[in-house]
Amino acid sequence: MRRTGPAVLISLGVVGVVIGYLLELALVAAGSPMLIPPISLSITLVAIGIIVVLLAIPIRRAVRSKVKVHVDPFRAMRIAVLAKACSLAGGLLTGTGIGVVIYVLTRPVPAPSASVWLSVAAAVSAVILLVGGLIAEYFCTLPPPKDEETERSEHAPAH
């Protein structure tokens, strides 16, 4: 599995901005109220970002340890996949939050200040989820093989 690259995250962010802005525009044009993210969304995104990093810390310690520590490869892979999902979802939700903030700030009729702050909180918490996912992905990355191991594998007899 490859680590999440910046091009993917930027693309998801741009798609999210368009989705967030156009969704708000469509809702208001249809006569519905704006969709303002609740504070519980922000709290949940931050909690998930913290949890995924906490799950990846034992993997990091085992990989970097000088003492041979057994790591369940299935658990490590699950955490790595969860970290990747968090980084991708964080990128999309960051863009969506920014799109909502842009819409709320560019309306001809000023929005209540609570809706502006809730939208900003959602965008910032999505950034925290994104960063938490990237940190956890980094923690689950194996170090490059040492020269001795590669030399032994190159000179080992083929069976």
N, C-alpha and C. Protein backbone atom coordinates (compact mmCIF):
# COMPACT_ATOMS: atom_id res chain seq x y z
N MET A 1 0.84 -1.17 0.00
CA MET A 1 0.00 0.00 0.00
C MET A 1 0.89 1.24 0.00
N ARG A 2 0.61 2.17 -0.85
CA ARG A 2 1.38 3.40 -0.93
C ARG A 2 0.79 4.43 0.01
N ARG A 3 1.65 5.31 0.49
CA ARG A 3 1.16 6.40 1.34
C ARG A 3 0.41 7.41 0.49
N THR A 4 -0.48 8.13 1.13
CA THR A 4 -1.30 9.10 0.43
C THR A 4 -0.44 10.28 -0.02
N GLY A 5 -0.54 10.61 -1.30
CA GLY A 5 0.25 11.69 -1.86
C GLY A 5 -0.48 13.01 -1.82
N PRO A 6 0.26 14.10 -1.95
CA PRO A 6 -0.36 15.43 -1.90
C PRO A 6 -1.30 15.69 -3.07
N ALA A 7 -1.02 15.12 -4.24
CA ALA A 7 -1.89 15.37 -5.40
C ALA A 7 -3.30 14.83 -5.15
N VAL A 8 -3.39 13.66 -4.54
CA VAL A 8 -4.70 13.07 -4.24
C VAL A 8 -5.44 13.93 -3.23
N LEU A 9 -4.72 14.39 -2.20
CA LEU A 9 -5.36 15.19 -1.16
C LEU A 9 -5.82 16.55 -1.70
N ILE A 10 -5.01 17.16 -2.54
CA ILE A 10 -5.40 18.44 -3.14
C ILE A 10 -6.60 18.26 -4.04
N SER A 11 -6.61 17.18 -4.82
CA SER A 11 -7.75 16.91 -5.71
C SER A 11 -9.02 16.71 -4.90
N LEU A 12 -8.94 15.92 -3.84
CA LEU A 12 -10.10 15.72 -2.99
C LEU A 12 -10.54 17.02 -2.33
N GLY A 13 -9.59 17.84 -1.94
CA GLY A 13 -9.94 19.13 -1.35
C GLY A 13 -10.68 20.03 -2.33
N VAL A 14 -10.21 20.07 -3.57
CA VAL A 14 -10.88 20.90 -4.59
C VAL A 14 -12.29 20.37 -4.86
N VAL A 15 -12.42 19.04 -4.98
CA VAL A 15 -13.75 18.45 -5.18
C VAL A 15 -14.66 18.79 -3.99
N GLY A 16 -14.09 18.74 -2.78
CA GLY A 16 -14.86 19.06 -1.59
C GLY A 16 -15.32 20.50 -1.56
N VAL A 17 -14.46 21.43 -1.97
CA VAL A 17 -14.85 22.85 -2.01
C VAL A 17 -16.03 23.03 -2.96
N VAL A 18 -15.96 22.43 -4.12
CA VAL A 18 -17.04 22.54 -5.10
C VAL A 18 -18.32 21.94 -4.55
N ILE A 19 -18.22 20.75 -3.95
CA ILE A 19 -19.41 20.09 -3.39
C ILE A 19 -20.02 20.94 -2.28
N GLY A 20 -19.19 21.43 -1.34
CA GLY A 20 -19.70 22.22 -0.23
C GLY A 20 -20.38 23.50 -0.69
N TYR A 21 -19.74 24.20 -1.60
CA TYR A 21 -20.31 25.46 -2.08
C TYR A 21 -21.59 25.22 -2.87
N LEU A 22 -21.55 24.27 -3.80
CA LEU A 22 -22.73 24.03 -4.64
C LEU A 22 -23.90 23.44 -3.84
N LEU A 23 -23.60 22.63 -2.84
CA LEU A 23 -24.66 22.08 -2.00
C LEU A 23 -25.38 23.20 -1.25
N GLU A 24 -24.63 24.10 -0.67
CA GLU A 24 -25.25 25.24 0.03
C GLU A 24 -26.03 26.12 -0.94
N LEU A 25 -25.47 26.36 -2.10
CA LEU A 25 -26.15 27.18 -3.11
C LEU A 25 -27.45 26.53 -3.54
N ALA A 26 -27.43 25.22 -3.77
CA ALA A 26 -28.64 24.51 -4.20
C ALA A 26 -29.70 24.49 -3.09
N LEU A 27 -29.27 24.30 -1.86
CA LEU A 27 -30.24 24.29 -0.76
C LEU A 27 -30.93 25.63 -0.61
N VAL A 28 -30.16 26.71 -0.63
CA VAL A 28 -30.74 28.04 -0.47
C VAL A 28 -31.60 28.40 -1.68
N ALA A 29 -31.19 28.02 -2.88
CA ALA A 29 -31.97 28.30 -4.08
C ALA A 29 -33.30 27.55 -4.06
N ALA A 30 -33.33 26.39 -3.42
CA ALA A 30 -34.57 25.62 -3.33
C ALA A 30 -35.45 26.09 -2.18
N GLY A 31 -34.98 27.07 -1.41
CA GLY A 31 -35.77 27.59 -0.31
C GLY A 31 -35.55 26.86 1.00
N SER A 32 -34.58 25.97 1.05
CA SER A 32 -34.26 25.25 2.28
C SER A 32 -33.24 26.05 3.08
N PRO A 33 -33.15 25.78 4.36
CA PRO A 33 -32.12 26.47 5.14
C PRO A 33 -30.72 25.93 4.79
N MET A 34 -29.72 26.75 5.07
CA MET A 34 -28.34 26.33 4.85
C MET A 34 -28.02 25.13 5.73
N LEU A 35 -27.11 24.30 5.25
CA LEU A 35 -26.66 23.15 6.02
C LEU A 35 -25.41 23.58 6.79
N ILE A 36 -25.59 23.80 8.08
CA ILE A 36 -24.47 24.21 8.93
C ILE A 36 -24.04 22.99 9.74
N PRO A 37 -22.75 22.63 9.68
CA PRO A 37 -22.28 21.45 10.41
C PRO A 37 -22.42 21.65 11.93
N PRO A 38 -22.96 20.65 12.62
CA PRO A 38 -23.09 20.78 14.07
C PRO A 38 -21.74 20.64 14.77
N ILE A 39 -21.66 21.09 15.99
CA ILE A 39 -20.42 21.00 16.75
C ILE A 39 -20.05 19.55 17.02
N SER A 40 -21.03 18.66 17.06
CA SER A 40 -20.73 17.24 17.29
C SER A 40 -19.90 16.66 16.15
N LEU A 41 -20.05 17.17 14.94
CA LEU A 41 -19.22 16.73 13.82
C LEU A 41 -17.77 17.09 14.07
N SER A 42 -17.53 18.29 14.52
CA SER A 42 -16.16 18.72 14.79
C SER A 42 -15.53 17.90 15.89
N ILE A 43 -16.28 17.65 16.94
CA ILE A 43 -15.76 16.86 18.06
C ILE A 43 -15.44 15.44 17.59
N THR A 44 -16.32 14.86 16.79
CA THR A 44 -16.12 13.49 16.30
C THR A 44 -14.90 13.40 15.38
N LEU A 45 -14.72 14.35 14.49
CA LEU A 45 -13.57 14.32 13.58
C LEU A 45 -12.26 14.44 14.34
N VAL A 46 -12.21 15.30 15.33
CA VAL A 46 -11.00 15.44 16.14
C VAL A 46 -10.74 14.15 16.91
N ALA A 47 -11.80 13.57 17.49
CA ALA A 47 -11.63 12.33 18.25
C ALA A 47 -11.12 11.20 17.36
N ILE A 48 -11.65 11.07 16.16
CA ILE A 48 -11.18 10.02 15.25
C ILE A 48 -9.73 10.26 14.86
N GLY A 49 -9.36 11.51 14.59
CA GLY A 49 -7.97 11.82 14.26
C GLY A 49 -7.01 11.45 15.38
N ILE A 50 -7.41 11.69 16.62
CA ILE A 50 -6.57 11.35 17.76
C ILE A 50 -6.52 9.83 17.95
N ILE A 51 -7.66 9.17 17.82
CA ILE A 51 -7.72 7.72 18.02
C ILE A 51 -6.85 6.98 17.00
N VAL A 52 -6.89 7.40 15.75
CA VAL A 52 -6.11 6.69 14.73
C VAL A 52 -4.61 6.84 14.99
N VAL A 53 -4.19 7.99 15.49
CA VAL A 53 -2.78 8.16 15.85
C VAL A 53 -2.42 7.28 17.05
N LEU A 54 -3.31 7.23 18.04
CA LEU A 54 -3.06 6.40 19.21
C LEU A 54 -2.99 4.91 18.85
N LEU A 55 -3.79 4.50 17.87
CA LEU A 55 -3.73 3.10 17.42
C LEU A 55 -2.44 2.79 16.69
N ALA A 56 -1.87 3.79 16.03
CA ALA A 56 -0.65 3.56 15.23
C ALA A 56 0.62 3.65 16.07
N ILE A 57 0.56 4.23 17.24
CA ILE A 57 1.77 4.38 18.06
C ILE A 57 2.41 3.03 18.41
N PRO A 58 1.65 1.99 18.85
CA PRO A 58 2.31 0.71 19.13
C PRO A 58 2.99 0.09 17.90
N ILE A 59 2.41 0.30 16.73
CA ILE A 59 3.03 -0.20 15.50
C ILE A 59 4.36 0.51 15.28
N ARG A 60 4.37 1.80 15.47
CA ARG A 60 5.59 2.60 15.30
C ARG A 60 6.67 2.13 16.28
N ARG A 61 6.28 1.93 17.53
CA ARG A 61 7.25 1.49 18.53
C ARG A 61 7.83 0.12 18.18
N ALA A 62 6.99 -0.78 17.70
CA ALA A 62 7.46 -2.12 17.36
C ALA A 62 8.38 -2.09 16.15
N VAL A 63 8.07 -1.26 15.18
CA VAL A 63 8.89 -1.18 13.96
C VAL A 63 10.24 -0.54 14.26
N ARG A 64 10.27 0.46 15.10
CA ARG A 64 11.51 1.20 15.38
C ARG A 64 12.31 0.59 16.53
N SER A 65 11.78 -0.39 17.21
CA SER A 65 12.44 -0.97 18.37
C SER A 65 13.66 -1.77 17.95
N LYS A 66 14.70 -1.72 18.77
CA LYS A 66 15.90 -2.52 18.53
C LYS A 66 15.66 -3.97 18.94
N VAL A 67 14.72 -4.16 19.86
CA VAL A 67 14.37 -5.50 20.33
C VAL A 67 13.29 -6.05 19.41
N LYS A 68 13.40 -7.31 19.07
CA LYS A 68 12.43 -7.94 18.18
C LYS A 68 11.08 -8.05 18.90
N VAL A 69 10.09 -7.33 18.39
CA VAL A 69 8.74 -7.33 18.97
C VAL A 69 7.79 -7.86 17.90
N HIS A 70 6.93 -8.79 18.30
CA HIS A 70 5.97 -9.35 17.34
C HIS A 70 4.80 -8.37 17.15
N VAL A 71 4.49 -8.10 15.92
CA VAL A 71 3.35 -7.26 15.57
C VAL A 71 2.43 -8.10 14.71
N ASP A 72 1.18 -8.13 15.07
CA ASP A 72 0.20 -8.84 14.25
C ASP A 72 0.08 -8.11 12.92
N PRO A 73 0.45 -8.75 11.81
CA PRO A 73 0.43 -8.05 10.52
C PRO A 73 -0.98 -7.65 10.08
N PHE A 74 -1.98 -8.43 10.48
CA PHE A 74 -3.34 -8.07 10.10
C PHE A 74 -3.80 -6.82 10.85
N ARG A 75 -3.42 -6.71 12.12
CA ARG A 75 -3.76 -5.52 12.89
C ARG A 75 -3.06 -4.30 12.31
N ALA A 76 -1.78 -4.47 11.98
CA ALA A 76 -1.02 -3.36 11.42
C ALA A 76 -1.62 -2.91 10.08
N MET A 77 -2.04 -3.87 9.27
CA MET A 77 -2.63 -3.51 7.98
C MET A 77 -3.97 -2.81 8.17
N ARG A 78 -4.75 -3.27 9.12
CA ARG A 78 -6.04 -2.62 9.38
C ARG A 78 -5.84 -1.17 9.83
N ILE A 79 -4.86 -0.96 10.68
CA ILE A 79 -4.59 0.40 11.15
C ILE A 79 -4.07 1.26 10.01
N ALA A 80 -3.24 0.70 9.15
CA ALA A 80 -2.73 1.45 8.00
C ALA A 80 -3.86 1.82 7.05
N VAL A 81 -4.78 0.91 6.83
CA VAL A 81 -5.93 1.20 5.95
C VAL A 81 -6.84 2.24 6.59
N LEU A 82 -7.05 2.12 7.89
CA LEU A 82 -7.85 3.12 8.61
C LEU A 82 -7.19 4.49 8.51
N ALA A 83 -5.87 4.54 8.65
CA ALA A 83 -5.15 5.80 8.54
C ALA A 83 -5.31 6.41 7.15
N LYS A 84 -5.21 5.57 6.13
CA LYS A 84 -5.38 6.07 4.76
C LYS A 84 -6.79 6.59 4.54
N ALA A 85 -7.78 5.86 5.06
CA ALA A 85 -9.17 6.30 4.94
C ALA A 85 -9.38 7.63 5.66
N CYS A 86 -8.75 7.81 6.81
CA CYS A 86 -8.87 9.07 7.54
C CYS A 86 -8.24 10.22 6.77
N SER A 87 -7.09 9.98 6.17
CA SER A 87 -6.45 11.05 5.41
C SER A 87 -7.28 11.43 4.18
N LEU A 88 -7.82 10.44 3.49
CA LEU A 88 -8.65 10.74 2.31
C LEU A 88 -9.95 11.43 2.70
N ALA A 89 -10.62 10.91 3.73
CA ALA A 89 -11.86 11.54 4.20
C ALA A 89 -11.58 12.93 4.74
N GLY A 90 -10.46 13.08 5.43
CA GLY A 90 -10.09 14.40 5.94
C GLY A 90 -9.86 15.40 4.82
N GLY A 91 -9.25 14.96 3.72
CA GLY A 91 -9.05 15.85 2.57
C GLY A 91 -10.37 16.30 1.97
N LEU A 92 -11.28 15.34 1.78
CA LEU A 92 -12.59 15.67 1.21
C LEU A 92 -13.40 16.56 2.14
N LEU A 93 -13.41 16.23 3.43
CA LEU A 93 -14.18 17.02 4.38
C LEU A 93 -13.58 18.40 4.62
N THR A 94 -12.25 18.51 4.50
CA THR A 94 -11.63 19.83 4.61
C THR A 94 -12.11 20.72 3.47
N GLY A 95 -12.09 20.18 2.27
CA GLY A 95 -12.58 20.95 1.13
C GLY A 95 -14.05 21.32 1.26
N THR A 96 -14.85 20.37 1.72
CA THR A 96 -16.28 20.65 1.89
C THR A 96 -16.49 21.73 2.95
N GLY A 97 -15.75 21.64 4.05
CA GLY A 97 -15.86 22.67 5.08
C GLY A 97 -15.45 24.04 4.56
N ILE A 98 -14.39 24.08 3.78
CA ILE A 98 -13.94 25.36 3.21
C ILE A 98 -14.99 25.89 2.24
N GLY A 99 -15.60 24.99 1.45
CA GLY A 99 -16.66 25.42 0.53
C GLY A 99 -17.85 26.02 1.28
N VAL A 100 -18.22 25.42 2.39
CA VAL A 100 -19.32 25.95 3.21
C VAL A 100 -18.93 27.31 3.79
N VAL A 101 -17.69 27.42 4.27
CA VAL A 101 -17.23 28.70 4.83
C VAL A 101 -17.23 29.78 3.75
N ILE A 102 -16.78 29.45 2.56
CA ILE A 102 -16.78 30.42 1.46
C ILE A 102 -18.20 30.86 1.16
N TYR A 103 -19.13 29.92 1.10
CA TYR A 103 -20.52 30.29 0.80
C TYR A 103 -21.09 31.17 1.91
N VAL A 104 -20.86 30.80 3.16
CA VAL A 104 -21.42 31.56 4.28
C VAL A 104 -20.85 32.98 4.29
N LEU A 105 -19.57 33.13 3.99
CA LEU A 105 -18.95 34.46 4.03
C LEU A 105 -19.27 35.32 2.81
N THR A 106 -19.66 34.71 1.69
CA THR A 106 -19.92 35.49 0.47
C THR A 106 -21.40 35.74 0.22
N ARG A 107 -22.24 35.36 1.14
CA ARG A 107 -23.67 35.61 0.97
C ARG A 107 -23.96 37.11 1.02
N PRO A 108 -24.93 37.57 0.22
CA PRO A 108 -25.28 38.99 0.29
C PRO A 108 -25.95 39.34 1.63
N VAL A 109 -26.68 38.38 2.18
CA VAL A 109 -27.29 38.57 3.49
C VAL A 109 -26.34 37.95 4.52
N PRO A 110 -25.88 38.73 5.48
CA PRO A 110 -24.91 38.17 6.43
C PRO A 110 -25.53 37.01 7.23
N ALA A 111 -24.75 35.98 7.38
CA ALA A 111 -25.19 34.82 8.16
C ALA A 111 -24.91 35.08 9.64
N PRO A 112 -25.66 34.42 10.50
CA PRO A 112 -25.36 34.57 11.93
C PRO A 112 -23.93 34.13 12.23
N SER A 113 -23.30 34.78 13.19
CA SER A 113 -21.90 34.48 13.48
C SER A 113 -21.71 33.04 13.95
N ALA A 114 -22.72 32.45 14.58
CA ALA A 114 -22.60 31.06 15.03
C ALA A 114 -22.42 30.12 13.84
N SER A 115 -23.12 30.37 12.75
CA SER A 115 -22.98 29.49 11.59
C SER A 115 -21.60 29.62 10.96
N VAL A 116 -21.03 30.81 11.00
CA VAL A 116 -19.68 31.00 10.47
C VAL A 116 -18.68 30.22 11.32
N TRP A 117 -18.77 30.34 12.64
CA TRP A 117 -17.83 29.67 13.53
C TRP A 117 -17.99 28.16 13.49
N LEU A 118 -19.23 27.67 13.37
CA LEU A 118 -19.43 26.23 13.26
C LEU A 118 -18.84 25.68 11.96
N SER A 119 -18.97 26.44 10.89
CA SER A 119 -18.39 26.03 9.61
C SER A 119 -16.86 26.03 9.66
N VAL A 120 -16.30 27.04 10.28
CA VAL A 120 -14.84 27.10 10.43
C VAL A 120 -14.36 25.95 11.32
N ALA A 121 -15.09 25.67 12.40
CA ALA A 121 -14.72 24.57 13.29
C ALA A 121 -14.75 23.24 12.56
N ALA A 122 -15.74 23.04 11.68
CA ALA A 122 -15.81 21.80 10.90
C ALA A 122 -14.62 21.68 9.96
N ALA A 123 -14.24 22.78 9.31
CA ALA A 123 -13.10 22.75 8.40
C ALA A 123 -11.80 22.48 9.16
N VAL A 124 -11.61 23.11 10.30
CA VAL A 124 -10.39 22.91 11.09
C VAL A 124 -10.33 21.49 11.64
N SER A 125 -11.46 20.96 12.10
CA SER A 125 -11.45 19.59 12.62
C SER A 125 -11.20 18.58 11.50
N ALA A 126 -11.64 18.87 10.28
CA ALA A 126 -11.33 18.00 9.15
C ALA A 126 -9.84 18.02 8.84
N VAL A 127 -9.20 19.17 9.01
CA VAL A 127 -7.75 19.25 8.84
C VAL A 127 -7.05 18.40 9.89
N ILE A 128 -7.57 18.42 11.13
CA ILE A 128 -6.99 17.60 12.19
C ILE A 128 -7.13 16.12 11.85
N LEU A 129 -8.29 15.73 11.31
CA LEU A 129 -8.47 14.33 10.87
C LEU A 129 -7.48 13.98 9.76
N LEU A 130 -7.31 14.86 8.82
CA LEU A 130 -6.36 14.66 7.71
C LEU A 130 -4.94 14.48 8.24
N VAL A 131 -4.52 15.36 9.12
CA VAL A 131 -3.16 15.30 9.68
C VAL A 131 -3.00 14.04 10.52
N GLY A 132 -4.01 13.70 11.32
CA GLY A 132 -3.95 12.47 12.12
C GLY A 132 -3.80 11.24 11.25
N GLY A 133 -4.54 11.20 10.13
CA GLY A 133 -4.43 10.09 9.20
C GLY A 133 -3.04 10.00 8.57
N LEU A 134 -2.48 11.14 8.20
CA LEU A 134 -1.14 11.15 7.61
C LEU A 134 -0.07 10.73 8.62
N ILE A 135 -0.21 11.18 9.86
CA ILE A 135 0.75 10.78 10.89
C ILE A 135 0.65 9.28 11.14
N ALA A 136 -0.55 8.76 11.23
CA ALA A 136 -0.72 7.33 11.46
C ALA A 136 -0.20 6.52 10.27
N GLU A 137 -0.39 7.01 9.05
CA GLU A 137 0.19 6.34 7.88
C GLU A 137 1.71 6.28 7.99
N TYR A 138 2.30 7.39 8.40
CA TYR A 138 3.75 7.44 8.57
C TYR A 138 4.21 6.45 9.64
N PHE A 139 3.46 6.37 10.73
CA PHE A 139 3.81 5.46 11.81
C PHE A 139 3.75 4.00 11.36
N CYS A 140 2.90 3.69 10.40
CA CYS A 140 2.75 2.31 9.94
C CYS A 140 3.67 1.97 8.78
N THR A 141 4.55 2.88 8.40
CA THR A 141 5.48 2.64 7.31
C THR A 141 6.69 1.86 7.80
N LEU A 142 7.05 0.83 7.06
CA LEU A 142 8.24 0.06 7.41
C LEU A 142 9.49 0.81 6.97
N PRO A 143 10.56 0.72 7.76
CA PRO A 143 11.81 1.37 7.34
C PRO A 143 12.42 0.61 6.16
N PRO A 144 13.26 1.28 5.37
CA PRO A 144 13.89 0.58 4.26
C PRO A 144 14.79 -0.53 4.79
N PRO A 145 14.96 -1.61 4.02
CA PRO A 145 15.80 -2.70 4.49
C PRO A 145 17.25 -2.26 4.64
N LYS A 146 17.93 -2.87 5.60
CA LYS A 146 19.34 -2.54 5.82
C LYS A 146 20.18 -3.17 4.72
N ASP A 147 21.37 -2.65 4.53
CA ASP A 147 22.25 -3.13 3.46
C ASP A 147 22.60 -4.61 3.65
N GLU A 148 22.79 -5.04 4.89
CA GLU A 148 23.15 -6.44 5.13
C GLU A 148 22.05 -7.38 4.66
N GLU A 149 20.82 -7.00 4.92
CA GLU A 149 19.70 -7.87 4.52
C GLU A 149 19.58 -7.95 3.00
N THR A 150 19.77 -6.82 2.33
CA THR A 150 19.67 -6.84 0.86
C THR A 150 20.82 -7.62 0.25
N GLU A 151 22.03 -7.51 0.85
CA GLU A 151 23.17 -8.27 0.32
C GLU A 151 22.94 -9.77 0.49
N ARG A 152 22.42 -10.16 1.67
CA ARG A 152 22.14 -11.59 1.89
C ARG A 152 21.10 -12.11 0.93
N SER A 153 20.07 -11.30 0.66
CA SER A 153 19.03 -11.79 -0.24
C SER A 153 19.51 -11.84 -1.69
N GLU A 154 20.46 -10.96 -2.05
CA GLU A 154 20.99 -10.98 -3.41
C GLU A 154 21.93 -12.16 -3.63
N HIS A 155 22.68 -12.52 -2.58
CA HIS A 155 23.67 -13.59 -2.71
C HIS A 155 23.14 -14.95 -2.26
N ALA A 156 21.90 -15.00 -1.87
CA ALA A 156 21.33 -16.28 -1.41
C ALA A 156 21.10 -17.19 -2.61
N PRO A 157 21.34 -18.48 -2.45
CA PRO A 157 21.13 -19.41 -3.56
C PRO A 157 19.63 -19.53 -3.88
N ALA A 158 19.33 -19.63 -5.15
CA ALA A 158 17.93 -19.79 -5.58
C ALA A 158 17.53 -21.25 -5.43
N HIS A 159 16.32 -21.49 -5.02
CA HIS A 159 15.82 -22.86 -4.84
C HIS A 159 14.92 -23.24 -5.96
